[in-house]
Amino acid sequence: LSGLRDPIDQCMIFYLSKICQFFPNFGAKIVYDYELHPNRRPKIVMQTVAHASGAAYFYHPQVIGQQENSKKLTK
């Protein structure tokens, strides 16, 4: 991470490291979404994490179409 110049990434690194210092008993390991293994494979796939945590949901196109049609009928 030494060549990092993006100010947003620098801010995230700074404040997340501070948070870990406040809670050393938890043994948290920070993994950034731009980190790669030596073979260039991502260390973490954020889309999968979002779905597993419930923060994101895949809406099937047919379901969205049904919802839009029901909204049109009720108006």
PDB file of N, CA and C in Angstrom:
ATOM      1  N   LEU A   1       0.812  -1.202   0.000  1.00  0.00           N
ATOM      2  CA  LEU A   1       0.000   0.000   0.000  1.00  0.00           C
ATOM      3  C   LEU A   1       0.852   1.262   0.000  1.00  0.00           C
ATOM      4  N   SER A   2       2.141   1.127  -0.168  1.00  0.00           N
ATOM      5  CA  SER A   2       3.037   2.279  -0.036  1.00  0.00           C
ATOM      6  C   SER A   2       2.863   3.296  -1.154  1.00  0.00           C
ATOM      7  N   GLY A   3       2.501   2.878  -2.365  1.00  0.00           N
ATOM      8  CA  GLY A   3       2.378   3.806  -3.480  1.00  0.00           C
ATOM      9  C   GLY A   3       0.998   4.416  -3.620  1.00  0.00           C
ATOM     10  N   LEU A   4       0.177   4.290  -2.619  1.00  0.00           N
ATOM     11  CA  LEU A   4      -1.199   4.765  -2.674  1.00  0.00           C
ATOM     12  C   LEU A   4      -1.261   6.285  -2.666  1.00  0.00           C
ATOM     13  N   ARG A   5      -2.009   6.874  -3.615  1.00  0.00           N
ATOM     14  CA  ARG A   5      -2.103   8.327  -3.678  1.00  0.00           C
ATOM     15  C   ARG A   5      -3.544   8.834  -3.647  1.00  0.00           C
ATOM     16  N   ASP A   6      -4.499   7.949  -3.702  1.00  0.00           N
ATOM     17  CA  ASP A   6      -5.902   8.343  -3.712  1.00  0.00           C
ATOM     18  C   ASP A   6      -6.278   8.890  -2.333  1.00  0.00           C
ATOM     19  N   PRO A   7      -6.758  10.141  -2.246  1.00  0.00           N
ATOM     20  CA  PRO A   7      -7.063  10.726  -0.930  1.00  0.00           C
ATOM     21  C   PRO A   7      -8.173   9.993  -0.173  1.00  0.00           C
ATOM     22  N   ILE A   8      -9.129   9.444  -0.873  1.00  0.00           N
ATOM     23  CA  ILE A   8     -10.208   8.715  -0.194  1.00  0.00           C
ATOM     24  C   ILE A   8      -9.654   7.437   0.427  1.00  0.00           C
ATOM     25  N   ASP A   9      -8.829   6.713  -0.328  1.00  0.00           N
ATOM     26  CA  ASP A   9      -8.214   5.504   0.214  1.00  0.00           C
ATOM     27  C   ASP A   9      -7.303   5.834   1.388  1.00  0.00           C
ATOM     28  N   GLN A  10      -6.554   6.908   1.285  1.00  0.00           N
ATOM     29  CA  GLN A  10      -5.674   7.315   2.383  1.00  0.00           C
ATOM     30  C   GLN A  10      -6.481   7.629   3.642  1.00  0.00           C
ATOM     31  N   CYS A  11      -7.609   8.288   3.472  1.00  0.00           N
ATOM     32  CA  CYS A  11      -8.480   8.615   4.603  1.00  0.00           C
ATOM     33  C   CYS A  11      -9.024   7.336   5.251  1.00  0.00           C
ATOM     34  N   MET A  12      -9.481   6.400   4.415  1.00  0.00           N
ATOM     35  CA  MET A  12     -10.012   5.139   4.942  1.00  0.00           C
ATOM     36  C   MET A  12      -8.940   4.369   5.708  1.00  0.00           C
ATOM     37  N   ILE A  13      -7.738   4.311   5.154  1.00  0.00           N
ATOM     38  CA  ILE A  13      -6.644   3.602   5.822  1.00  0.00           C
ATOM     39  C   ILE A  13      -6.346   4.250   7.168  1.00  0.00           C
ATOM     40  N   PHE A  14      -6.282   5.551   7.193  1.00  0.00           N
ATOM     41  CA  PHE A  14      -5.954   6.280   8.420  1.00  0.00           C
ATOM     42  C   PHE A  14      -6.985   6.014   9.515  1.00  0.00           C
ATOM     43  N   TYR A  15      -8.269   6.220   9.192  1.00  0.00           N
ATOM     44  CA  TYR A  15      -9.301   6.106  10.226  1.00  0.00           C
ATOM     45  C   TYR A  15      -9.596   4.661  10.618  1.00  0.00           C
ATOM     46  N   LEU A  16      -9.527   3.729   9.687  1.00  0.00           N
ATOM     47  CA  LEU A  16      -9.740   2.331  10.063  1.00  0.00           C
ATOM     48  C   LEU A  16      -8.616   1.824  10.961  1.00  0.00           C
ATOM     49  N   SER A  17      -7.400   2.276  10.715  1.00  0.00           N
ATOM     50  CA  SER A  17      -6.300   1.867  11.600  1.00  0.00           C
ATOM     51  C   SER A  17      -6.496   2.453  12.998  1.00  0.00           C
ATOM     52  N   LYS A  18      -7.033   3.677  13.079  1.00  0.00           N
ATOM     53  CA  LYS A  18      -7.319   4.289  14.385  1.00  0.00           C
ATOM     54  C   LYS A  18      -8.385   3.488  15.135  1.00  0.00           C
ATOM     55  N   ILE A  19      -9.409   3.045  14.418  1.00  0.00           N
ATOM     56  CA  ILE A  19     -10.477   2.261  15.045  1.00  0.00           C
ATOM     57  C   ILE A  19      -9.909   0.966  15.613  1.00  0.00           C
ATOM     58  N   CYS A  20      -9.038   0.310  14.851  1.00  0.00           N
ATOM     59  CA  CYS A  20      -8.430  -0.940  15.339  1.00  0.00           C
ATOM     60  C   CYS A  20      -7.575  -0.706  16.575  1.00  0.00           C
ATOM     61  N   GLN A  21      -6.964   0.462  16.673  1.00  0.00           N
ATOM     62  CA  GLN A  21      -6.163   0.782  17.855  1.00  0.00           C
ATOM     63  C   GLN A  21      -7.037   0.932  19.098  1.00  0.00           C
ATOM     64  N   PHE A  22      -8.269   1.402  18.922  1.00  0.00           N
ATOM     65  CA  PHE A  22      -9.184   1.573  20.053  1.00  0.00           C
ATOM     66  C   PHE A  22      -9.758   0.244  20.540  1.00  0.00           C
ATOM     67  N   PHE A  23      -9.799  -0.750  19.665  1.00  0.00           N
ATOM     68  CA  PHE A  23     -10.376  -2.049  20.009  1.00  0.00           C
ATOM     69  C   PHE A  23      -9.379  -3.179  19.755  1.00  0.00           C
ATOM     70  N   PRO A  24      -8.240  -3.187  20.438  1.00  0.00           N
ATOM     71  CA  PRO A  24      -7.218  -4.209  20.164  1.00  0.00           C
ATOM     72  C   PRO A  24      -7.633  -5.624  20.575  1.00  0.00           C
ATOM     73  N   ASN A  25      -8.562  -5.755  21.499  1.00  0.00           N
ATOM     74  CA  ASN A  25      -8.969  -7.081  21.982  1.00  0.00           C
ATOM     75  C   ASN A  25      -9.754  -7.880  20.950  1.00  0.00           C
ATOM     76  N   PHE A  26     -10.298  -7.215  19.944  1.00  0.00           N
ATOM     77  CA  PHE A  26     -11.101  -7.904  18.944  1.00  0.00           C
ATOM     78  C   PHE A  26     -10.254  -8.578  17.872  1.00  0.00           C
ATOM     79  N   GLY A  27      -9.010  -8.161  17.712  1.00  0.00           N
ATOM     80  CA  GLY A  27      -8.131  -8.774  16.711  1.00  0.00           C
ATOM     81  C   GLY A  27      -8.632  -8.597  15.293  1.00  0.00           C
ATOM     82  N   ALA A  28      -9.217  -7.452  15.004  1.00  0.00           N
ATOM     83  CA  ALA A  28      -9.764  -7.202  13.670  1.00  0.00           C
ATOM     84  C   ALA A  28      -8.653  -7.116  12.634  1.00  0.00           C
ATOM     85  N   LYS A  29      -8.934  -7.654  11.457  1.00  0.00           N
ATOM     86  CA  LYS A  29      -8.004  -7.561  10.335  1.00  0.00           C
ATOM     87  C   LYS A  29      -8.710  -6.785   9.233  1.00  0.00           C
ATOM     88  N   ILE A  30      -8.126  -5.707   8.822  1.00  0.00           N
ATOM     89  CA  ILE A  30      -8.733  -4.876   7.785  1.00  0.00           C
ATOM     90  C   ILE A  30      -8.303  -5.397   6.422  1.00  0.00           C
ATOM     91  N   VAL A  31      -9.287  -5.628   5.542  1.00  0.00           N
ATOM     92  CA  VAL A  31      -9.023  -6.036   4.167  1.00  0.00           C
ATOM     93  C   VAL A  31      -9.708  -5.011   3.277  1.00  0.00           C
ATOM     94  N   TYR A  32      -8.924  -4.331   2.477  1.00  0.00           N
ATOM     95  CA  TYR A  32      -9.473  -3.303   1.591  1.00  0.00           C
ATOM     96  C   TYR A  32      -9.924  -3.935   0.280  1.00  0.00           C
ATOM     97  N   ASP A  33     -10.934  -3.352  -0.343  1.00  0.00           N
ATOM     98  CA  ASP A  33     -11.493  -3.942  -1.554  1.00  0.00           C
ATOM     99  C   ASP A  33     -10.551  -3.877  -2.752  1.00  0.00           C
ATOM    100  N   TYR A  34      -9.463  -3.152  -2.666  1.00  0.00           N
ATOM    101  CA  TYR A  34      -8.516  -3.055  -3.778  1.00  0.00           C
ATOM    102  C   TYR A  34      -7.274  -3.920  -3.565  1.00  0.00           C
ATOM    103  N   GLU A  35      -7.216  -4.670  -2.474  1.00  0.00           N
ATOM    104  CA  GLU A  35      -6.059  -5.530  -2.212  1.00  0.00           C
ATOM    105  C   GLU A  35      -6.131  -6.789  -3.069  1.00  0.00           C
ATOM    106  N   LEU A  36      -4.977  -7.216  -3.576  1.00  0.00           N
ATOM    107  CA  LEU A  36      -4.903  -8.393  -4.432  1.00  0.00           C
ATOM    108  C   LEU A  36      -3.904  -9.398  -3.870  1.00  0.00           C
ATOM    109  N   HIS A  37      -4.152 -10.685  -4.169  1.00  0.00           N
ATOM    110  CA  HIS A  37      -3.178 -11.734  -3.886  1.00  0.00           C
ATOM    111  C   HIS A  37      -2.046 -11.609  -4.908  1.00  0.00           C
ATOM    112  N   PRO A  38      -0.920 -12.272  -4.691  1.00  0.00           N
ATOM    113  CA  PRO A  38       0.177 -12.199  -5.667  1.00  0.00           C
ATOM    114  C   PRO A  38      -0.225 -12.637  -7.081  1.00  0.00           C
ATOM    115  N   ASN A  39      -1.226 -13.514  -7.201  1.00  0.00           N
ATOM    116  CA  ASN A  39      -1.670 -13.952  -8.529  1.00  0.00           C
ATOM    117  C   ASN A  39      -2.725 -13.012  -9.127  1.00  0.00           C
ATOM    118  N   ARG A  40      -2.892 -11.815  -8.546  1.00  0.00           N
ATOM    119  CA  ARG A  40      -3.788 -10.749  -9.011  1.00  0.00           C
ATOM    120  C   ARG A  40      -5.265 -11.046  -8.760  1.00  0.00           C
ATOM    121  N   ARG A  41      -5.561 -12.072  -7.973  1.00  0.00           N
ATOM    122  CA  ARG A  41      -6.942 -12.365  -7.593  1.00  0.00           C
ATOM    123  C   ARG A  41      -7.308 -11.485  -6.408  1.00  0.00           C
ATOM    124  N   PRO A  42      -8.509 -10.914  -6.381  1.00  0.00           N
ATOM    125  CA  PRO A  42      -8.886 -10.052  -5.252  1.00  0.00           C
ATOM    126  C   PRO A  42      -8.904 -10.823  -3.939  1.00  0.00           C
ATOM    127  N   LYS A  43      -8.514 -10.151  -2.859  1.00  0.00           N
ATOM    128  CA  LYS A  43      -8.556 -10.775  -1.536  1.00  0.00           C
ATOM    129  C   LYS A  43      -9.983 -10.881  -1.023  1.00  0.00           C
ATOM    130  N   ILE A  44     -10.839  -9.992  -1.484  1.00  0.00           N
ATOM    131  CA  ILE A  44     -12.228  -9.984  -1.032  1.00  0.00           C
ATOM    132  C   ILE A  44     -13.106  -9.510  -2.191  1.00  0.00           C
ATOM    133  N   VAL A  45     -14.258 -10.138  -2.347  1.00  0.00           N
ATOM    134  CA  VAL A  45     -15.204  -9.752  -3.392  1.00  0.00           C
ATOM    135  C   VAL A  45     -16.376  -9.064  -2.692  1.00  0.00           C
ATOM    136  N   MET A  46     -16.406  -7.751  -2.779  1.00  0.00           N
ATOM    137  CA  MET A  46     -17.368  -6.959  -2.009  1.00  0.00           C
ATOM    138  C   MET A  46     -18.821  -7.251  -2.385  1.00  0.00           C
ATOM    139  N   GLN A  47     -19.085  -7.575  -3.647  1.00  0.00           N
ATOM    140  CA  GLN A  47     -20.462  -7.878  -4.038  1.00  0.00           C
ATOM    141  C   GLN A  47     -20.963  -9.110  -3.280  1.00  0.00           C
ATOM    142  N   THR A  48     -20.137 -10.129  -3.163  1.00  0.00           N
ATOM    143  CA  THR A  48     -20.510 -11.335  -2.423  1.00  0.00           C
ATOM    144  C   THR A  48     -20.711 -11.022  -0.949  1.00  0.00           C
ATOM    145  N   VAL A  49     -19.835 -10.211  -0.391  1.00  0.00           N
ATOM    146  CA  VAL A  49     -19.955  -9.816   1.015  1.00  0.00           C
ATOM    147  C   VAL A  49     -21.269  -9.077   1.251  1.00  0.00           C
ATOM    148  N   ALA A  50     -21.609  -8.183   0.345  1.00  0.00           N
ATOM    149  CA  ALA A  50     -22.846  -7.411   0.498  1.00  0.00           C
ATOM    150  C   ALA A  50     -24.067  -8.318   0.471  1.00  0.00           C
ATOM    151  N   HIS A  51     -24.077  -9.297  -0.430  1.00  0.00           N
ATOM    152  CA  HIS A  51     -25.210 -10.214  -0.495  1.00  0.00           C
ATOM    153  C   HIS A  51     -25.267 -11.113   0.737  1.00  0.00           C
ATOM    154  N   ALA A  52     -24.129 -11.622   1.174  1.00  0.00           N
ATOM    155  CA  ALA A  52     -24.098 -12.516   2.339  1.00  0.00           C
ATOM    156  C   ALA A  52     -24.531 -11.796   3.613  1.00  0.00           C
ATOM    157  N   SER A  53     -24.205 -10.517   3.718  1.00  0.00           N
ATOM    158  CA  SER A  53     -24.551  -9.760   4.923  1.00  0.00           C
ATOM    159  C   SER A  53     -25.984  -9.239   4.895  1.00  0.00           C
ATOM    160  N   GLY A  54     -26.609  -9.304   3.731  1.00  0.00           N
ATOM    161  CA  GLY A  54     -27.961  -8.775   3.606  1.00  0.00           C
ATOM    162  C   GLY A  54     -27.989  -7.306   3.234  1.00  0.00           C
ATOM    163  N   ALA A  55     -26.833  -6.726   2.970  1.00  0.00           N
ATOM    164  CA  ALA A  55     -26.769  -5.311   2.593  1.00  0.00           C
ATOM    165  C   ALA A  55     -27.181  -5.099   1.141  1.00  0.00           C
ATOM    166  N   ALA A  56     -27.176  -6.163   0.350  1.00  0.00           N
ATOM    167  CA  ALA A  56     -27.568  -6.065  -1.055  1.00  0.00           C
ATOM    168  C   ALA A  56     -28.489  -7.234  -1.373  1.00  0.00           C
ATOM    169  N   TYR A  57     -29.308  -7.060  -2.381  1.00  0.00           N
ATOM    170  CA  TYR A  57     -30.239  -8.100  -2.784  1.00  0.00           C
ATOM    171  C   TYR A  57     -30.349  -8.090  -4.294  1.00  0.00           C
ATOM    172  N   PHE A  58     -30.350  -9.275  -4.902  1.00  0.00           N
ATOM    173  CA  PHE A  58     -30.514  -9.386  -6.345  1.00  0.00           C
ATOM    174  C   PHE A  58     -31.993  -9.476  -6.667  1.00  0.00           C
ATOM    175  N   TYR A  59     -32.475  -8.515  -7.398  1.00  0.00           N
ATOM    176  CA  TYR A  59     -33.864  -8.531  -7.842  1.00  0.00           C
ATOM    177  C   TYR A  59     -33.918  -9.116  -9.237  1.00  0.00           C
ATOM    178  N   HIS A  60     -34.667 -10.179  -9.408  1.00  0.00           N
ATOM    179  CA  HIS A  60     -34.818 -10.778 -10.727  1.00  0.00           C
ATOM    180  C   HIS A  60     -35.615  -9.819 -11.607  1.00  0.00           C
ATOM    181  N   PRO A  61     -35.230  -9.652 -12.866  1.00  0.00           N
ATOM    182  CA  PRO A  61     -35.936  -8.706 -13.745  1.00  0.00           C
ATOM    183  C   PRO A  61     -37.442  -8.945 -13.829  1.00  0.00           C
ATOM    184  N   GLN A  62     -37.874 -10.203 -13.768  1.00  0.00           N
ATOM    185  CA  GLN A  62     -39.315 -10.482 -13.831  1.00  0.00           C
ATOM    186  C   GLN A  62     -40.040  -9.923 -12.614  1.00  0.00           C
ATOM    187  N   VAL A  63     -39.420 -10.003 -11.452  1.00  0.00           N
ATOM    188  CA  VAL A  63     -40.035  -9.489 -10.224  1.00  0.00           C
ATOM    189  C   VAL A  63     -40.173  -7.975 -10.307  1.00  0.00           C
ATOM    190  N   ILE A  64     -39.160  -7.314 -10.803  1.00  0.00           N
ATOM    191  CA  ILE A  64     -39.212  -5.857 -10.938  1.00  0.00           C
ATOM    192  C   ILE A  64     -40.314  -5.464 -11.906  1.00  0.00           C
ATOM    193  N   GLY A  65     -40.428  -6.205 -13.007  1.00  0.00           N
ATOM    194  CA  GLY A  65     -41.487  -5.930 -13.974  1.00  0.00           C
ATOM    195  C   GLY A  65     -42.868  -6.099 -13.367  1.00  0.00           C
ATOM    196  N   GLN A  66     -43.058  -7.124 -12.534  1.00  0.00           N
ATOM    197  CA  GLN A  66     -44.344  -7.347 -11.876  1.00  0.00           C
ATOM    198  C   GLN A  66     -44.657  -6.219 -10.904  1.00  0.00           C
ATOM    199  N   GLN A  67     -43.643  -5.755 -10.175  1.00  0.00           N
ATOM    200  CA  GLN A  67     -43.855  -4.669  -9.222  1.00  0.00           C
ATOM    201  C   GLN A  67     -44.235  -3.384  -9.946  1.00  0.00           C
ATOM    202  N   GLU A  68     -43.581  -3.107 -11.073  1.00  0.00           N
ATOM    203  CA  GLU A  68     -43.895  -1.894 -11.828  1.00  0.00           C
ATOM    204  C   GLU A  68     -45.306  -1.959 -12.387  1.00  0.00           C
ATOM    205  N   ASN A  69     -45.708  -3.143 -12.877  1.00  0.00           N
ATOM    206  CA  ASN A  69     -47.056  -3.293 -13.418  1.00  0.00           C
ATOM    207  C   ASN A  69     -48.107  -3.124 -12.330  1.00  0.00           C
ATOM    208  N   SER A  70     -47.856  -3.643 -11.132  1.00  0.00           N
ATOM    209  CA  SER A  70     -48.834  -3.509 -10.051  1.00  0.00           C
ATOM    210  C   SER A  70     -48.942  -2.052  -9.608  1.00  0.00           C
ATOM    211  N   LYS A  71     -47.855  -1.307  -9.662  1.00  0.00           N
ATOM    212  CA  LYS A  71     -47.907   0.116  -9.319  1.00  0.00           C
ATOM    213  C   LYS A  71     -48.737   0.876 -10.342  1.00  0.00           C
ATOM    214  N   LYS A  72     -48.606   0.505 -11.615  1.00  0.00           N
ATOM    215  CA  LYS A  72     -49.367   1.180 -12.666  1.00  0.00           C
ATOM    216  C   LYS A  72     -50.862   0.914 -12.507  1.00  0.00           C
ATOM    217  N   LEU A  73     -51.215  -0.310 -12.073  1.00  0.00           N
ATOM    218  CA  LEU A  73     -52.620  -0.662 -11.921  1.00  0.00           C
ATOM    219  C   LEU A  73     -53.260   0.030 -10.725  1.00  0.00           C
ATOM    220  N   THR A  74     -52.486   0.324  -9.699  1.00  0.00           N
ATOM    221  CA  THR A  74     -53.062   0.923  -8.500  1.00  0.00           C
ATOM    222  C   THR A  74     -53.162   2.435  -8.593  1.00  0.00           C
ATOM    223  N   LYS A  75     -52.563   3.032  -9.567  1.00  0.00           N
ATOM    224  CA  LYS A  75     -52.608   4.498  -9.677  1.00  0.00           C
ATOM    225  C   LYS A  75     -53.789   4.968 -10.474  1.00  0.00           C
TER     226      LYS A  75
END
